[in-house]
Amino acid sequence: MAIELIRDSIMGVQVPNSVIQAWPLRVTADSNEAGLSSKIFVYHAEMGDDPYQGDVFECVASIQQMSEIPEDAPGVGEGGNLVPYYRKDVLTFYCRNSEQADSLWEKVQADVRDLLRNHRAMQNLLTSETVTISG
C-alpha cells in the first residue's frame, strides 16, 4: 500500500499579459492505502463569485486536516461557518524558476511521506486489545 505521486513535465511558460516566465508544477496523487484518500492537497479557496477563481495551494494535508477539510470544494463547518479550504488530488503551483519547482517537488514528497507514516501510526492506535488480569 502506498501513495503514488505523478509529476508532470515542467516547461517554462509565459504568464498571460506579462513578460514573466513561470514554471508550473503539477502533481497528481493516487492512494491505494486503506483509509487514506488521494485528495491530500489543501487549497485555500478564493471566496469571490467563482469559488475556484484564484484558489491557492496551501500544503499537503496533515492527518487532522484529512478529517476536517472537505474534498473538492469549500464546505460548511461547525456553527454553520464556511470553511474556506478544500482538498483535491491534484496540486498545481506556478514557480518562479525550475529550481523552485524542484525544491517544492522534494518538499511535497517529504510531506507525503510524513502523512503516510502518521496515517499508519494512527491505524496502529485504533486496534483494540482485551486483557484479563486475575490474581
Protein backbone atom coordinates (compact mmCIF):
# COMPACT_ATOMS: atom_id res chain seq x y z
CA MET A 1 0.00 0.00 0.00
CA ALA A 2 1.29 3.45 -0.85
CA ILE A 3 0.64 6.88 -2.28
CA GLU A 4 1.88 7.40 -5.81
CA LEU A 5 2.87 10.92 -6.87
CA ILE A 6 2.99 11.70 -10.58
CA ARG A 7 4.84 14.86 -11.58
CA ASP A 8 4.02 16.26 -14.99
CA SER A 9 6.96 17.51 -17.00
CA ILE A 10 7.94 21.09 -16.32
CA MET A 11 8.39 23.62 -19.05
CA GLY A 12 8.67 27.34 -18.60
CA VAL A 13 5.54 29.15 -19.76
CA GLN A 14 4.79 32.77 -20.44
CA VAL A 15 2.34 34.26 -17.96
CA PRO A 16 -0.56 35.74 -20.00
CA ASN A 17 -0.38 39.53 -20.47
CA SER A 18 3.09 39.63 -18.94
CA VAL A 19 6.77 39.24 -19.72
CA ILE A 20 7.15 36.98 -16.68
CA GLN A 21 8.17 33.36 -17.16
CA ALA A 22 6.73 30.71 -14.80
CA TRP A 23 7.43 27.03 -14.24
CA PRO A 24 4.24 25.11 -13.47
CA LEU A 25 4.47 22.19 -11.09
CA ARG A 26 1.59 19.75 -11.44
CA VAL A 27 1.46 16.68 -9.22
CA THR A 28 -1.28 14.07 -9.10
CA ALA A 29 -1.69 11.83 -6.04
CA ASP A 30 -3.10 8.32 -6.19
CA SER A 31 -3.57 6.48 -2.89
CA ASN A 32 -4.19 2.78 -2.55
CA GLU A 33 -3.53 3.00 1.20
CA ALA A 34 -6.55 1.68 3.11
CA GLY A 35 -8.49 4.54 4.71
CA LEU A 36 -6.41 7.32 3.10
CA SER A 37 -7.97 9.39 0.32
CA SER A 38 -5.94 10.51 -2.71
CA LYS A 39 -7.21 14.03 -2.03
CA ILE A 40 -4.23 15.14 0.06
CA PHE A 41 -3.51 18.62 -1.32
CA VAL A 42 -5.08 21.51 0.61
CA TYR A 43 -6.27 24.59 -1.26
CA HIS A 44 -7.42 27.92 0.10
CA ALA A 45 -10.49 28.94 -1.87
CA GLU A 46 -10.87 32.42 -3.30
CA MET A 47 -14.22 33.39 -1.84
CA GLY A 48 -15.43 35.62 -4.68
CA ASP A 49 -18.29 34.87 -7.08
CA ASP A 50 -16.40 31.89 -8.52
CA PRO A 51 -15.09 29.71 -5.67
CA TYR A 52 -12.31 28.29 -7.87
CA GLN A 53 -11.02 31.56 -9.32
CA GLY A 54 -7.60 32.17 -7.85
CA ASP A 55 -7.59 29.27 -5.38
CA VAL A 56 -4.15 28.78 -3.88
CA PHE A 57 -2.32 25.56 -2.96
CA GLU A 58 -1.53 25.67 0.76
CA CYS A 59 0.08 22.37 1.79
CA VAL A 60 -0.06 18.60 1.90
CA ALA A 61 -2.77 17.77 4.42
CA SER A 62 -1.99 16.58 7.92
CA ILE A 63 -3.85 13.65 9.48
CA GLN A 64 -6.19 16.07 11.26
CA GLN A 65 -6.81 18.09 8.08
CA MET A 66 -7.71 14.88 6.24
CA SER A 67 -10.71 14.51 8.55
CA GLU A 68 -11.60 18.20 8.96
CA ILE A 69 -11.23 19.70 5.47
CA PRO A 70 -13.82 18.72 2.86
CA GLU A 71 -12.94 17.26 -0.53
CA ASP A 72 -13.37 19.09 -3.85
CA ALA A 73 -14.99 22.32 -2.62
CA PRO A 74 -15.22 24.51 0.48
CA GLY A 75 -17.82 23.28 2.93
CA VAL A 76 -19.78 24.26 5.99
CA GLY A 77 -18.08 23.69 9.32
CA GLU A 78 -19.08 23.88 12.94
CA GLY A 79 -21.74 26.51 13.69
CA GLY A 80 -22.61 26.83 10.01
CA ASN A 81 -19.41 28.73 9.24
CA LEU A 82 -17.95 28.36 5.76
CA VAL A 83 -14.61 26.51 5.69
CA PRO A 84 -12.55 28.30 3.01
CA TYR A 85 -10.36 25.24 2.41
CA TYR A 86 -10.80 22.02 0.48
CA ARG A 87 -8.71 19.03 -0.60
CA LYS A 88 -8.10 17.60 -4.03
CA ASP A 89 -5.79 15.04 -5.62
CA VAL A 90 -4.01 17.43 -7.98
CA LEU A 91 -1.52 20.09 -6.95
CA THR A 92 -0.88 22.95 -9.37
CA PHE A 93 1.61 25.65 -8.46
CA TYR A 94 3.40 28.20 -10.63
CA CYS A 95 7.03 28.57 -9.56
CA ARG A 96 9.43 31.42 -10.35
CA ASN A 97 12.09 29.13 -11.78
CA SER A 98 12.92 25.47 -12.28
CA GLU A 99 14.95 25.34 -9.04
CA GLN A 100 11.92 26.46 -7.02
CA ALA A 101 9.81 23.82 -8.78
CA ASP A 102 12.38 21.12 -7.95
CA SER A 103 12.55 22.29 -4.33
CA LEU A 104 8.75 22.23 -3.97
CA TRP A 105 8.66 18.76 -5.55
CA GLU A 106 11.13 17.50 -2.91
CA LYS A 107 9.13 19.16 -0.11
CA VAL A 108 5.87 17.62 -1.33
CA GLN A 109 7.46 14.16 -1.35
CA ALA A 110 8.73 14.62 2.21
CA ASP A 111 5.33 15.88 3.42
CA VAL A 112 3.52 12.95 1.77
CA ARG A 113 5.95 10.52 3.44
CA ASP A 114 5.10 12.15 6.79
CA LEU A 115 1.36 11.94 6.07
CA LEU A 116 1.65 8.25 5.19
CA ARG A 117 3.78 7.50 8.25
CA ASN A 118 1.32 9.34 10.54
CA HIS A 119 -1.67 7.63 8.91
CA ARG A 120 -0.13 4.23 9.56
CA ALA A 121 0.68 5.20 13.16
CA MET A 122 -2.94 6.24 13.68
CA GLN A 123 -4.15 2.93 12.25
CA ASN A 124 -1.99 1.08 14.78
CA LEU A 125 -3.54 3.13 17.61
CA LEU A 126 -7.03 2.12 16.51
CA THR A 127 -6.53 -1.56 17.28
CA SER A 128 -8.32 -2.83 20.35
CA GLU A 129 -6.93 -5.17 22.93
CA THR A 130 -8.59 -7.10 25.71
CA VAL A 131 -6.54 -8.24 28.66
CA THR A 132 -7.84 -10.32 31.55
CA ILE A 133 -5.85 -9.95 34.73
CA SER A 134 -6.52 -12.15 37.70
CA GLY A 135 -4.69 -12.53 40.81
